[in-house]
């Protein structure tokens, strides 16, 4: 027999469907951002490896350490996204958890998923450009060339 109650209120149904609906805003933001981290790392890995392959640079120990350092740095920079969104929600007093944007205002709530996606997209685009430029400069000027 199913435990679903067809007579349950919409509030009960929503909280059962979204286990974080009653969680504090900071916890919702952290979990939302951590779910996006693998996508961010995957995009940067593909772009970085493509940049290295396009530079036709031989694999060296310097290149390996450079890639590892770049990945650590990129993940430290990734932390700026949730931090910025968390500070914005605290500074502007937006402590109402929202899983969707239902407001008719032009600017979405600072804790909304649309704000998360906007910050994620902007940060990822910046990181992709930095990876292409940084990888190209690293491969062509800093690392020893092919013998």
C-alpha atoms as a PDB file:
ATOM      1  CA  UNK A   1       0.000   0.000   0.000  1.00  0.00           C
ATOM      2  CA  UNK A   2       1.350   3.414  -0.924  1.00  0.00           C
ATOM      3  CA  UNK A   3       2.091   5.952   1.789  1.00  0.00           C
ATOM      4  CA  UNK A   4       1.061   8.844  -0.494  1.00  0.00           C
ATOM      5  CA  UNK A   5      -1.896  10.712   0.900  1.00  0.00           C
ATOM      6  CA  UNK A   6      -4.198  12.000  -1.835  1.00  0.00           C
ATOM      7  CA  UNK A   7      -5.749  14.386   0.698  1.00  0.00           C
ATOM      8  CA  UNK A   8      -2.426  15.967   1.773  1.00  0.00           C
ATOM      9  CA  UNK A   9      -2.154  19.743   1.680  1.00  0.00           C
ATOM     10  CA  UNK A  10       0.033  21.331  -1.021  1.00  0.00           C
ATOM     11  CA  UNK A  11       2.510  22.423   1.668  1.00  0.00           C
ATOM     12  CA  UNK A  12       3.001  18.830   2.815  1.00  0.00           C
ATOM     13  CA  UNK A  13       3.394  17.638  -0.771  1.00  0.00           C
ATOM     14  CA  UNK A  14       5.938  20.373  -1.584  1.00  0.00           C
ATOM     15  CA  UNK A  15       8.077  19.672   1.469  1.00  0.00           C
ATOM     16  CA  UNK A  16       8.066  15.941   0.689  1.00  0.00           C
ATOM     17  CA  UNK A  17       9.075  16.588  -2.933  1.00  0.00           C
ATOM     18  CA  UNK A  18      11.821  19.054  -1.983  1.00  0.00           C
ATOM     19  CA  UNK A  19      13.614  17.875   1.167  1.00  0.00           C
ATOM     20  CA  UNK A  20      15.505  21.176   1.439  1.00  0.00           C
ATOM     21  CA  UNK A  21      12.376  23.330   1.319  1.00  0.00           C
ATOM     22  CA  UNK A  22      12.520  23.931   5.071  1.00  0.00           C
ATOM     23  CA  UNK A  23      16.318  24.192   5.269  1.00  0.00           C
ATOM     24  CA  UNK A  24      18.017  27.553   5.930  1.00  0.00           C
ATOM     25  CA  UNK A  25      18.875  29.622   2.865  1.00  0.00           C
ATOM     26  CA  UNK A  26      22.637  29.183   3.329  1.00  0.00           C
ATOM     27  CA  UNK A  27      22.255  25.401   3.293  1.00  0.00           C
ATOM     28  CA  UNK A  28      20.115  25.514   0.149  1.00  0.00           C
ATOM     29  CA  UNK A  29      22.698  27.714  -1.578  1.00  0.00           C
ATOM     30  CA  UNK A  30      25.653  25.531  -0.616  1.00  0.00           C
ATOM     31  CA  UNK A  31      23.952  22.326  -1.749  1.00  0.00           C
ATOM     32  CA  UNK A  32      22.743  23.936  -4.989  1.00  0.00           C
ATOM     33  CA  UNK A  33      26.262  25.149  -5.794  1.00  0.00           C
ATOM     34  CA  UNK A  34      27.938  21.872  -4.863  1.00  0.00           C
ATOM     35  CA  UNK A  35      25.605  20.044  -7.250  1.00  0.00           C
ATOM     36  CA  UNK A  36      26.895  22.317 -10.031  1.00  0.00           C
ATOM     37  CA  UNK A  37      30.604  21.802  -9.233  1.00  0.00           C
ATOM     38  CA  UNK A  38      31.004  18.591 -11.340  1.00  0.00           C
ATOM     39  CA  UNK A  39      29.538  20.396 -14.363  1.00  0.00           C
ATOM     40  CA  UNK A  40      31.979  23.291 -13.847  1.00  0.00           C
ATOM     41  CA  UNK A  41      34.955  20.940 -13.470  1.00  0.00           C
ATOM     42  CA  UNK A  42      33.894  18.938 -16.535  1.00  0.00           C
ATOM     43  CA  UNK A  43      33.588  22.039 -18.718  1.00  0.00           C
ATOM     44  CA  UNK A  44      36.976  23.351 -17.614  1.00  0.00           C
ATOM     45  CA  UNK A  45      38.628  19.940 -18.027  1.00  0.00           C
ATOM     46  CA  UNK A  46      37.377  19.652 -21.607  1.00  0.00           C
ATOM     47  CA  UNK A  47      38.423  23.221 -22.457  1.00  0.00           C
ATOM     48  CA  UNK A  48      41.801  22.851 -20.755  1.00  0.00           C
ATOM     49  CA  UNK A  49      42.661  19.547 -22.410  1.00  0.00           C
ATOM     50  CA  UNK A  50      41.522  20.871 -25.777  1.00  0.00           C
ATOM     51  CA  UNK A  51      43.706  23.961 -25.332  1.00  0.00           C
ATOM     52  CA  UNK A  52      46.728  21.833 -24.443  1.00  0.00           C
ATOM     53  CA  UNK A  53      46.082  19.505 -27.386  1.00  0.00           C
ATOM     54  CA  UNK A  54      45.688  22.463 -29.771  1.00  0.00           C
ATOM     55  CA  UNK A  55      49.018  23.886 -28.599  1.00  0.00           C
ATOM     56  CA  UNK A  56      50.634  20.543 -29.534  1.00  0.00           C
ATOM     57  CA  UNK A  57      52.860  20.709 -26.530  1.00  0.00           C
ATOM     58  CA  UNK A  58      54.608  17.533 -25.345  1.00  0.00           C
ATOM     59  CA  UNK A  59      53.629  16.224 -21.937  1.00  0.00           C
ATOM     60  CA  UNK A  60      56.164  17.213 -19.295  1.00  0.00           C
ATOM     61  CA  UNK A  61      56.297  17.303 -15.517  1.00  0.00           C
ATOM     62  CA  UNK A  62      55.931  21.102 -15.641  1.00  0.00           C
ATOM     63  CA  UNK A  63      52.757  20.747 -17.692  1.00  0.00           C
ATOM     64  CA  UNK A  64      51.288  18.187 -15.285  1.00  0.00           C
ATOM     65  CA  UNK A  65      51.998  20.391 -12.252  1.00  0.00           C
ATOM     66  CA  UNK A  66      50.622  23.406 -14.117  1.00  0.00           C
ATOM     67  CA  UNK A  67      47.374  21.586 -14.896  1.00  0.00           C
ATOM     68  CA  UNK A  68      46.990  20.458 -11.279  1.00  0.00           C
ATOM     69  CA  UNK A  69      47.683  23.970  -9.964  1.00  0.00           C
ATOM     70  CA  UNK A  70      45.220  25.433 -12.481  1.00  0.00           C
ATOM     71  CA  UNK A  71      42.515  22.981 -11.378  1.00  0.00           C
ATOM     72  CA  UNK A  72      43.028  23.805  -7.701  1.00  0.00           C
ATOM     73  CA  UNK A  73      42.958  27.522  -8.483  1.00  0.00           C
ATOM     74  CA  UNK A  74      39.817  27.164 -10.581  1.00  0.00           C
ATOM     75  CA  UNK A  75      38.030  25.385  -7.739  1.00  0.00           C
ATOM     76  CA  UNK A  76      39.104  28.078  -5.287  1.00  0.00           C
ATOM     77  CA  UNK A  77      37.667  30.658  -7.681  1.00  0.00           C
ATOM     78  CA  UNK A  78      34.479  28.579  -7.984  1.00  0.00           C
ATOM     79  CA  UNK A  79      33.933  29.182  -4.278  1.00  0.00           C
ATOM     80  CA  UNK A  80      33.416  32.889  -5.051  1.00  0.00           C
ATOM     81  CA  UNK A  81      30.040  32.107  -6.679  1.00  0.00           C
ATOM     82  CA  UNK A  82      28.253  30.668  -3.641  1.00  0.00           C
ATOM     83  CA  UNK A  83      30.058  33.127  -1.390  1.00  0.00           C
ATOM     84  CA  UNK A  84      28.844  36.104  -3.452  1.00  0.00           C
ATOM     85  CA  UNK A  85      25.292  34.759  -3.529  1.00  0.00           C
ATOM     86  CA  UNK A  86      25.323  34.060   0.210  1.00  0.00           C
ATOM     87  CA  UNK A  87      26.628  37.546   1.042  1.00  0.00           C
ATOM     88  CA  UNK A  88      24.060  39.133  -1.286  1.00  0.00           C
ATOM     89  CA  UNK A  89      21.218  37.249   0.373  1.00  0.00           C
ATOM     90  CA  UNK A  90      22.440  38.310   3.836  1.00  0.00           C
ATOM     91  CA  UNK A  91      23.227  41.939   2.965  1.00  0.00           C
ATOM     92  CA  UNK A  92      19.946  42.551   1.159  1.00  0.00           C
ATOM     93  CA  UNK A  93      17.914  40.700   3.760  1.00  0.00           C
ATOM     94  CA  UNK A  94      16.695  37.996   1.434  1.00  0.00           C
ATOM     95  CA  UNK A  95      16.294  35.131   3.865  1.00  0.00           C
ATOM     96  CA  UNK A  96      13.221  33.614   2.261  1.00  0.00           C
ATOM     97  CA  UNK A  97      14.056  30.245   0.699  1.00  0.00           C
ATOM     98  CA  UNK A  98      12.935  30.031  -2.920  1.00  0.00           C
ATOM     99  CA  UNK A  99      13.269  27.110  -5.276  1.00  0.00           C
ATOM    100  CA  UNK A 100      11.665  28.958  -8.180  1.00  0.00           C
ATOM    101  CA  UNK A 101      11.229  32.584  -9.098  1.00  0.00           C
ATOM    102  CA  UNK A 102       7.573  33.450  -8.630  1.00  0.00           C
ATOM    103  CA  UNK A 103       8.084  37.170  -8.241  1.00  0.00           C
ATOM    104  CA  UNK A 104       7.049  39.582 -10.969  1.00  0.00           C
ATOM    105  CA  UNK A 105       9.977  41.854 -10.093  1.00  0.00           C
ATOM    106  CA  UNK A 106      12.601  42.456 -12.757  1.00  0.00           C
ATOM    107  CA  UNK A 107      15.443  41.400 -10.467  1.00  0.00           C
ATOM    108  CA  UNK A 108      15.117  37.886  -9.118  1.00  0.00           C
ATOM    109  CA  UNK A 109      15.581  37.000  -5.485  1.00  0.00           C
ATOM    110  CA  UNK A 110      19.238  36.741  -4.475  1.00  0.00           C
ATOM    111  CA  UNK A 111      18.625  33.229  -3.139  1.00  0.00           C
ATOM    112  CA  UNK A 112      16.709  31.992  -6.196  1.00  0.00           C
ATOM    113  CA  UNK A 113      17.858  29.315  -8.610  1.00  0.00           C
ATOM    114  CA  UNK A 114      17.857  31.839 -11.459  1.00  0.00           C
ATOM    115  CA  UNK A 115      20.418  33.933  -9.574  1.00  0.00           C
ATOM    116  CA  UNK A 116      22.510  30.808  -9.003  1.00  0.00           C
ATOM    117  CA  UNK A 117      22.431  29.951 -12.714  1.00  0.00           C
ATOM    118  CA  UNK A 118      23.282  33.536 -13.688  1.00  0.00           C
ATOM    119  CA  UNK A 119      26.313  33.618 -11.377  1.00  0.00           C
ATOM    120  CA  UNK A 120      27.306  30.090 -12.414  1.00  0.00           C
ATOM    121  CA  UNK A 121      27.149  30.946 -16.129  1.00  0.00           C
ATOM    122  CA  UNK A 122      29.089  34.202 -15.700  1.00  0.00           C
ATOM    123  CA  UNK A 123      31.770  32.520 -13.589  1.00  0.00           C
ATOM    124  CA  UNK A 124      32.067  29.538 -15.918  1.00  0.00           C
ATOM    125  CA  UNK A 125      32.395  31.762 -19.002  1.00  0.00           C
ATOM    126  CA  UNK A 126      35.094  33.802 -17.247  1.00  0.00           C
ATOM    127  CA  UNK A 127      36.906  30.603 -16.214  1.00  0.00           C
ATOM    128  CA  UNK A 128      36.721  29.169 -19.733  1.00  0.00           C
ATOM    129  CA  UNK A 129      38.229  32.354 -21.187  1.00  0.00           C
ATOM    130  CA  UNK A 130      40.928  32.403 -18.489  1.00  0.00           C
ATOM    131  CA  UNK A 131      41.689  28.733 -19.187  1.00  0.00           C
ATOM    132  CA  UNK A 132      42.035  29.270 -22.933  1.00  0.00           C
ATOM    133  CA  UNK A 133      44.189  32.381 -22.563  1.00  0.00           C
ATOM    134  CA  UNK A 134      46.195  31.031 -19.613  1.00  0.00           C
ATOM    135  CA  UNK A 135      46.706  27.629 -21.201  1.00  0.00           C
ATOM    136  CA  UNK A 136      47.857  29.176 -24.455  1.00  0.00           C
ATOM    137  CA  UNK A 137      50.273  31.539 -22.738  1.00  0.00           C
ATOM    138  CA  UNK A 138      51.569  28.734 -20.521  1.00  0.00           C
ATOM    139  CA  UNK A 139      52.079  26.342 -23.428  1.00  0.00           C
ATOM    140  CA  UNK A 140      53.714  28.866 -25.766  1.00  0.00           C
ATOM    141  CA  UNK A 141      55.851  30.998 -23.502  1.00  0.00           C
ATOM    142  CA  UNK A 142      56.547  29.492 -20.095  1.00  0.00           C
ATOM    143  CA  UNK A 143      56.992  25.769 -20.693  1.00  0.00           C
ATOM    144  CA  UNK A 144      60.003  24.496 -22.603  1.00  0.00           C
ATOM    145  CA  UNK A 145      59.178  23.905 -26.251  1.00  0.00           C
ATOM    146  CA  UNK A 146      59.512  20.729 -28.279  1.00  0.00           C
ATOM    147  CA  UNK A 147      63.083  19.674 -28.880  1.00  0.00           C
END
